[in-house]
Amino acid sequence: MLETELTRTLKIQYPIFLAPMAGGPTTPELVAAISNAGGLGNLGAGYLTPEQLRSMIREIKQLTDQPFGVNLFVPEQRIESEETIGQMADHLNIYRVELGIVQNPAIQKYSESFEEQVQVLLDEEIPVFSFTFGIPPQDVIQTMKQRGTIVIGTATTIEEAKQLEAAGVDAIVAQGSEAGGHRGTFLKSVSDTQIGTMALVPQIVDHVTIPVIASGGIMDGRGLIASLALGAAAVQMGTAFLACPESGAHTTYKQKILSENEDCTEITRVYSGKAARGIRTEFMNDMHRYPGKIPAYPIQNAMTRDIRQAAAKANNPEYMSLWAGQGLRLATDRSAAATVKQTIDQANVLVKLIFNLRRVGD
């Protein structure tokens, strides 16, 4: 009943995608669980080394014979002055002292090699490749498509969507401002791209000819039906699965997802240097008063990594990056499969209700 052209192309049962949440939540178990339940599991692989990426892909393949996707970050070359980096390092030492970890840790690299990550995806012949933060080189997109891989880009404005279609992608994730974590903005400033999902999806649908996947604040069957009514071919859900048993999110992180409300998130750059929506923490509140310049992504992300890791070990959520969307009050700790089933069951009930109302109206 909820089949779309995109679900037929991908050979999946339901128009539900797992958001590719990088940093640990999208474990092989979670990715496989979504795919086995009839949706499309997605591995958030932006921070994985090529070796880790290959290992996780192979583990997913052992857990499911259904299609799944892998998401990478389009590389961003940022240059910051030594003064800006030095000032930030000194300031971050305040938190390191509080957490009892080494000050001024050496940072070997700011990000993984995109080219090497792409090669792993080609070697492993993954079914779906998605990307965020821009548009990869044309040879990457074309090589993927020649191998039979479905290519999906991420847009937060109509112009970004149009450029993605021109670049040859097969589908576009329309990511509204309600979305948790980092959004895929790449043409304008974050302040110019705070467009909600309900407004963004139909406008992108009207300006491109390829399937659109709605993302941002979608947590259940009501969001799925609303998105399909707006012209989307599928939905992408992240926060809805964060507290699932299969999720790799820290236990303390899961507890915060289940206990916080819709007004507890805000957009911040203090953890990574790139705007991202997460549950408000003491670190965010304190760092927002920092008088200096915050280094751009991925520099700031690398500089705060040891703090976030130490906070996780100490079960201290106030220094962890608790990425979450605005629909977090609707999150549950059901299994991934149960969440997919509940979403589809609710959507089917709504479809029948709408059909019956139409019959009454006729």
Protein backbone atom coordinates (compact mmCIF):
# COMPACT_ATOMS: atom_id res chain seq x y z
CA MET A 1 0.00 0.00 0.00
CA LEU A 2 2.98 2.32 0.67
CA GLU A 3 5.05 1.21 -2.31
CA THR A 4 6.68 3.99 -4.35
CA GLU A 5 8.83 4.14 -7.46
CA LEU A 6 11.87 4.57 -5.21
CA THR A 7 11.10 1.50 -3.09
CA ARG A 8 10.76 -0.54 -6.28
CA THR A 9 14.08 0.79 -7.59
CA LEU A 10 15.85 0.01 -4.33
CA LYS A 11 14.02 -3.32 -3.95
CA ILE A 12 12.89 -2.53 -0.41
CA GLN A 13 9.46 -3.13 1.11
CA TYR A 14 8.82 0.17 2.89
CA PRO A 15 9.72 3.83 2.17
CA ILE A 16 11.67 4.18 5.42
CA PHE A 17 15.38 5.03 5.47
CA LEU A 18 17.61 4.98 8.53
CA ALA A 19 19.39 8.33 8.76
CA PRO A 20 23.15 7.67 8.41
CA MET A 21 24.19 9.04 11.82
CA ALA A 22 28.00 9.13 11.91
CA GLY A 23 29.96 8.76 15.11
CA GLY A 24 28.68 5.42 16.34
CA PRO A 25 24.85 5.18 16.43
CA THR A 26 24.49 3.35 13.10
CA THR A 27 26.05 0.05 14.10
CA PRO A 28 26.02 -2.90 11.69
CA GLU A 29 23.27 -4.37 13.90
CA LEU A 30 21.06 -1.29 13.52
CA VAL A 31 21.69 -0.96 9.78
CA ALA A 32 20.89 -4.63 9.22
CA ALA A 33 17.83 -4.52 11.48
CA ILE A 34 16.26 -1.71 9.45
CA SER A 35 17.00 -3.46 6.16
CA ASN A 36 15.70 -6.79 7.47
CA ALA A 37 12.53 -5.04 8.63
CA GLY A 38 11.84 -3.84 5.08
CA GLY A 39 13.42 -0.38 5.13
CA LEU A 40 16.84 0.84 4.00
CA GLY A 41 19.55 0.74 6.64
CA ASN A 42 22.30 3.33 6.23
CA LEU A 43 25.77 3.38 7.76
CA GLY A 44 27.06 6.80 8.77
CA ALA A 45 30.70 6.32 7.78
CA GLY A 46 32.10 9.85 7.61
CA TYR A 47 34.46 9.34 10.56
CA LEU A 48 35.52 5.76 9.81
CA THR A 49 38.98 4.83 8.61
CA PRO A 50 39.01 2.80 5.38
CA GLU A 51 39.83 -0.31 7.42
CA GLN A 52 36.97 0.27 9.85
CA LEU A 53 34.62 0.99 6.95
CA ARG A 54 35.47 -2.22 5.13
CA SER A 55 35.07 -4.26 8.29
CA MET A 56 31.66 -2.75 9.10
CA ILE A 57 30.35 -3.22 5.56
CA ARG A 58 31.31 -6.87 5.66
CA GLU A 59 29.66 -7.28 9.05
CA ILE A 60 26.44 -5.75 7.69
CA LYS A 61 26.54 -8.20 4.78
CA GLN A 62 26.75 -11.06 7.26
CA LEU A 63 23.68 -9.76 9.09
CA THR A 64 21.44 -9.05 6.09
CA ASP A 65 21.05 -9.97 2.44
CA GLN A 66 18.84 -6.91 1.88
CA PRO A 67 19.93 -3.58 0.31
CA PHE A 68 21.64 -1.01 2.54
CA GLY A 69 23.50 2.25 2.07
CA VAL A 70 26.69 3.97 3.20
CA ASN A 71 27.01 7.72 3.71
CA LEU A 72 30.23 9.73 3.42
CA PHE A 73 31.10 13.38 4.01
CA VAL A 74 32.23 15.37 0.97
CA PRO A 75 35.63 16.76 2.07
CA GLU A 76 35.90 20.39 3.11
CA GLN A 77 39.29 22.06 3.09
CA ARG A 78 39.42 24.64 5.87
CA ILE A 79 42.40 26.75 6.83
CA GLU A 80 42.63 28.36 10.25
CA SER A 81 45.37 30.53 11.68
CA GLU A 82 47.71 29.09 14.28
CA GLU A 83 46.48 31.82 16.62
CA THR A 84 42.83 30.71 16.34
CA ILE A 85 43.73 27.06 16.87
CA GLY A 86 46.09 27.89 19.74
CA GLN A 87 43.50 30.01 21.54
CA MET A 88 40.89 27.28 21.21
CA ALA A 89 43.33 24.63 22.44
CA ASP A 90 44.08 26.71 25.53
CA HIS A 91 40.39 27.18 26.24
CA LEU A 92 39.57 23.49 25.78
CA ASN A 93 42.25 22.65 28.36
CA ILE A 94 39.86 24.01 31.00
CA TYR A 95 37.49 21.12 30.27
CA ARG A 96 40.33 18.62 30.01
CA VAL A 97 41.46 19.54 33.52
CA GLU A 98 37.92 19.07 34.79
CA LEU A 99 37.66 15.68 33.09
CA GLY A 100 41.14 14.61 34.22
CA ILE A 101 42.61 14.04 30.76
CA VAL A 102 45.83 15.14 29.06
CA GLN A 103 46.06 18.77 28.00
CA ASN A 104 47.02 19.79 24.45
CA PRO A 105 46.73 16.28 22.94
CA ALA A 106 48.43 15.72 19.60
CA ILE A 107 46.02 15.59 16.65
CA GLN A 108 47.30 13.35 13.89
CA LYS A 109 44.68 14.28 11.30
CA TYR A 110 41.46 16.23 11.05
CA SER A 111 39.52 13.86 8.79
CA GLU A 112 39.71 10.57 6.92
CA SER A 113 40.65 10.23 3.25
CA PHE A 114 37.48 10.56 1.18
CA GLU A 115 39.20 8.98 -1.82
CA GLU A 116 40.19 5.91 0.18
CA GLN A 117 36.72 5.62 1.68
CA VAL A 118 35.16 5.79 -1.80
CA GLN A 119 37.48 3.05 -3.02
CA VAL A 120 36.28 0.78 -0.22
CA LEU A 121 32.68 1.34 -1.28
CA LEU A 122 33.57 0.49 -4.87
CA ASP A 123 35.48 -2.61 -3.82
CA GLU A 124 32.62 -3.81 -1.63
CA GLU A 125 29.97 -3.02 -4.30
CA ILE A 126 27.56 -1.36 -1.88
CA PRO A 127 23.96 -1.00 -3.14
CA VAL A 128 23.42 2.65 -2.15
CA PHE A 129 25.89 5.52 -1.76
CA SER A 130 24.78 8.78 -0.17
CA PHE A 131 26.76 11.88 0.68
CA THR A 132 26.49 15.05 2.74
CA PHE A 133 28.13 18.54 2.85
CA GLY A 134 28.40 19.14 -0.87
CA ILE A 135 28.79 17.32 -4.17
CA PRO A 136 31.60 14.81 -4.85
CA PRO A 137 33.69 14.98 -8.03
CA GLN A 138 31.80 13.87 -11.13
CA ASP A 139 34.01 10.82 -11.62
CA VAL A 140 32.94 9.49 -8.20
CA ILE A 141 29.24 9.84 -9.00
CA GLN A 142 29.57 8.38 -12.47
CA THR A 143 31.74 5.46 -11.37
CA MET A 144 29.24 4.56 -8.67
CA LYS A 145 26.36 4.66 -11.14
CA GLN A 146 28.30 2.58 -13.68
CA ARG A 147 28.75 -0.06 -10.98
CA GLY A 148 24.98 -0.14 -10.43
CA THR A 149 25.05 1.77 -7.15
CA ILE A 150 22.15 4.15 -6.41
CA VAL A 151 23.55 7.63 -5.61
CA ILE A 152 21.76 9.97 -3.20
CA GLY A 153 22.68 13.57 -2.29
CA THR A 154 21.55 15.83 0.56
CA ALA A 155 19.93 19.25 0.13
CA THR A 156 18.61 21.90 2.50
CA THR A 157 17.48 24.38 -0.20
CA ILE A 158 15.91 24.17 -3.63
CA GLU A 159 19.07 25.44 -5.31
CA GLU A 160 21.15 22.72 -3.65
CA ALA A 161 18.63 20.15 -4.88
CA LYS A 162 18.80 21.49 -8.43
CA GLN A 163 22.60 21.32 -8.42
CA LEU A 164 22.49 17.76 -7.10
CA GLU A 165 20.11 16.72 -9.87
CA ALA A 166 22.37 18.36 -12.45
CA ALA A 167 25.30 16.41 -11.01
CA GLY A 168 23.50 13.15 -11.81
CA VAL A 169 22.28 11.81 -8.47
CA ASP A 170 19.41 9.33 -8.47
CA ALA A 171 17.52 10.80 -5.50
CA ILE A 172 17.73 13.68 -3.02
CA VAL A 173 17.30 13.81 0.75
CA ALA A 174 15.41 17.03 1.53
CA GLN A 175 16.68 17.79 5.03
CA GLY A 176 14.54 20.20 7.03
CA SER A 177 15.74 22.39 9.88
CA GLU A 178 14.11 20.08 12.47
CA ALA A 179 16.76 17.43 11.75
CA GLY A 180 19.19 16.38 14.43
CA GLY A 181 22.95 16.54 14.03
CA HIS A 182 24.70 18.12 11.06
CA ARG A 183 22.65 19.09 8.03
CA GLY A 184 23.88 18.95 4.45
CA THR A 185 23.96 22.70 3.71
CA PHE A 186 26.65 23.59 1.19
CA LEU A 187 25.65 26.68 -0.80
CA LYS A 188 24.53 29.25 1.77
CA SER A 189 25.04 30.06 5.42
CA VAL A 190 23.17 28.06 8.02
CA SER A 191 21.09 31.10 8.97
CA ASP A 192 19.80 31.27 5.39
CA THR A 193 18.79 27.61 5.24
CA GLN A 194 16.53 27.14 8.27
CA ILE A 195 13.65 25.80 6.19
CA GLY A 196 11.32 23.34 7.88
CA THR A 197 10.61 19.92 6.40
CA MET A 198 6.95 20.67 5.63
CA ALA A 199 7.95 23.74 3.61
CA LEU A 200 11.09 22.30 2.02
CA VAL A 201 9.86 18.96 0.69
CA PRO A 202 7.06 20.10 -1.66
CA GLN A 203 9.19 22.92 -3.05
CA ILE A 204 12.06 20.57 -3.87
CA VAL A 205 9.57 18.06 -5.33
CA ASP A 206 8.28 20.79 -7.63
CA HIS A 207 11.76 21.75 -8.86
CA VAL A 208 13.41 18.39 -9.56
CA THR A 209 12.38 15.33 -11.54
CA ILE A 210 14.02 12.67 -9.37
CA PRO A 211 12.68 11.09 -6.15
CA VAL A 212 12.83 13.13 -2.94
CA ILE A 213 13.32 11.65 0.54
CA ALA A 214 11.88 13.74 3.38
CA SER A 215 14.08 14.17 6.46
CA GLY A 216 13.86 16.19 9.68
CA GLY A 217 11.51 15.69 12.61
CA ILE A 218 9.85 12.57 11.16
CA MET A 219 9.25 10.05 13.94
CA ASP A 220 6.27 7.86 13.10
CA GLY A 221 3.54 6.90 10.64
CA ARG A 222 1.96 10.34 10.80
CA GLY A 223 5.19 11.91 9.59
CA LEU A 224 5.51 9.26 6.89
CA ILE A 225 2.01 9.86 5.50
CA ALA A 226 2.43 13.64 5.68
CA SER A 227 5.71 13.39 3.76
CA LEU A 228 4.22 11.16 1.07
CA ALA A 229 1.31 13.59 0.75
CA LEU A 230 3.83 16.38 0.15
CA GLY A 231 5.32 14.43 -2.76
CA ALA A 232 8.18 12.59 -1.06
CA ALA A 233 9.00 9.07 -2.20
CA ALA A 234 10.29 8.00 1.22
CA VAL A 235 11.29 9.34 4.62
CA GLN A 236 14.61 9.29 6.45
CA MET A 237 14.42 8.87 10.24
CA GLY A 238 17.27 9.21 12.72
CA THR A 239 16.22 10.33 16.20
CA ALA A 240 13.40 7.77 16.10
CA PHE A 241 16.02 4.99 16.17
CA LEU A 242 18.64 6.51 18.49
CA ALA A 243 17.36 4.80 21.65
CA CYS A 244 16.81 1.40 20.00
CA PRO A 245 18.71 -1.54 21.54
CA GLU A 246 20.64 -1.92 18.26
CA SER A 247 21.79 1.70 18.27
CA GLY A 248 25.42 2.36 19.14
CA ALA A 249 24.54 5.57 20.99
CA HIS A 250 25.98 5.74 24.51
CA THR A 251 23.60 4.57 27.27
CA THR A 252 23.61 8.04 28.84
CA TYR A 253 22.86 9.54 25.41
CA LYS A 254 19.87 7.20 25.02
CA GLN A 255 18.58 8.19 28.45
CA LYS A 256 18.71 11.86 27.46
CA ILE A 257 16.83 11.13 24.22
CA LEU A 258 14.05 9.45 26.19
CA SER A 259 13.84 12.07 28.94
CA GLU A 260 14.21 15.43 27.13
CA ASN A 261 11.54 17.44 25.34
CA GLU A 262 11.09 19.12 21.95
CA ASP A 263 12.27 22.48 23.32
CA CYS A 264 15.58 21.12 24.63
CA THR A 265 17.53 21.16 21.37
CA GLU A 266 19.42 23.99 19.72
CA ILE A 267 21.83 24.50 16.85
CA THR A 268 25.48 24.89 17.80
CA ARG A 269 28.94 24.98 16.25
CA VAL A 270 30.92 24.46 19.45
CA TYR A 271 31.49 20.72 19.13
CA SER A 272 32.49 20.41 15.49
CA GLY A 273 32.82 23.84 13.93
CA LYS A 274 29.76 23.10 11.78
CA ALA A 275 26.19 23.86 12.77
CA ALA A 276 24.38 20.86 14.22
CA ARG A 277 21.24 20.37 16.29
CA GLY A 278 21.58 18.64 19.64
CA ILE A 279 20.28 18.49 23.19
CA ARG A 280 21.45 21.53 25.15
CA THR A 281 24.43 20.82 27.44
CA GLU A 282 26.67 22.70 29.89
CA PHE A 283 29.46 22.59 27.31
CA MET A 284 27.24 24.31 24.76
CA ASN A 285 26.10 26.95 27.23
CA ASP A 286 29.65 27.69 28.35
CA MET A 287 31.24 27.63 24.90
CA HIS A 288 28.63 30.02 23.53
CA ARG A 289 30.30 32.62 25.76
CA TYR A 290 33.72 31.93 24.27
CA PRO A 291 35.01 35.30 23.03
CA GLY A 292 37.33 33.97 20.33
CA LYS A 293 36.75 32.38 16.94
CA ILE A 294 35.64 28.75 16.75
CA PRO A 295 37.75 26.86 14.19
CA ALA A 296 35.82 25.54 11.22
CA TYR A 297 34.84 21.92 10.65
CA PRO A 298 36.59 19.47 10.67
CA ILE A 299 39.28 21.20 12.78
CA GLN A 300 37.07 21.94 15.80
CA ASN A 301 35.59 18.45 15.56
CA ALA A 302 39.03 16.90 15.91
CA MET A 303 40.00 19.30 18.70
CA THR A 304 37.00 18.38 20.89
CA ARG A 305 37.03 14.65 20.20
CA ASP A 306 39.07 13.72 23.29
CA ILE A 307 36.71 15.75 25.51
CA ARG A 308 33.63 14.05 24.12
CA GLN A 309 35.23 10.62 24.46
CA ALA A 310 36.31 11.29 28.05
CA ALA A 311 32.81 12.49 28.91
CA ALA A 312 31.33 9.30 27.49
CA LYS A 313 33.68 7.17 29.59
CA ALA A 314 32.64 9.17 32.67
CA ASN A 315 28.92 8.89 31.80
CA ASN A 316 28.80 12.69 31.81
CA PRO A 317 26.31 13.90 29.20
CA GLU A 318 27.13 17.58 29.77
CA TYR A 319 30.27 17.34 27.62
CA MET A 320 28.99 14.84 25.05
CA SER A 321 27.51 15.83 21.69
CA LEU A 322 23.91 14.66 22.04
CA TRP A 323 22.67 15.15 18.49
CA ALA A 324 18.88 14.96 18.24
CA GLY A 325 16.03 16.35 16.16
CA GLN A 326 13.04 18.33 17.34
CA GLY A 327 10.78 15.28 17.45
CA LEU A 328 12.69 13.61 20.28
CA ARG A 329 9.67 13.52 22.65
CA LEU A 330 8.27 10.86 20.27
CA ALA A 331 11.35 8.63 20.59
CA THR A 332 11.04 5.20 22.24
CA ASP A 333 13.37 2.38 23.20
CA ARG A 334 11.57 -0.19 21.06
CA SER A 335 13.67 -2.40 18.82
CA ALA A 336 14.44 -1.11 15.33
CA ALA A 337 12.15 -3.70 13.74
CA ALA A 338 9.32 -2.82 16.13
CA THR A 339 9.76 0.88 15.34
CA VAL A 340 9.53 0.20 11.60
CA LYS A 341 6.45 -1.99 12.12
CA GLN A 342 4.73 0.57 14.33
CA THR A 343 5.44 3.30 11.78
CA ILE A 344 4.03 1.26 8.91
CA ASP A 345 1.02 0.06 10.92
CA GLN A 346 0.16 3.62 11.90
CA ALA A 347 0.62 4.82 8.33
CA ASN A 348 -1.67 2.10 6.97
CA VAL A 349 -4.37 2.99 9.48
CA LEU A 350 -4.16 6.60 8.34
CA VAL A 351 -4.32 5.60 4.68
CA LYS A 352 -7.50 3.59 5.33
CA LEU A 353 -8.98 6.48 7.31
CA ILE A 354 -8.28 8.94 4.52
CA PHE A 355 -9.70 6.51 1.93
CA ASN A 356 -12.87 6.05 3.97
CA LEU A 357 -13.26 9.79 4.42
CA ARG A 358 -12.95 10.26 0.68
CA ARG A 359 -15.63 7.60 0.11
CA VAL A 360 -17.93 9.38 2.56
CA GLY A 361 -17.27 12.66 0.77
CA ASP A 362 -18.10 11.10 -2.59
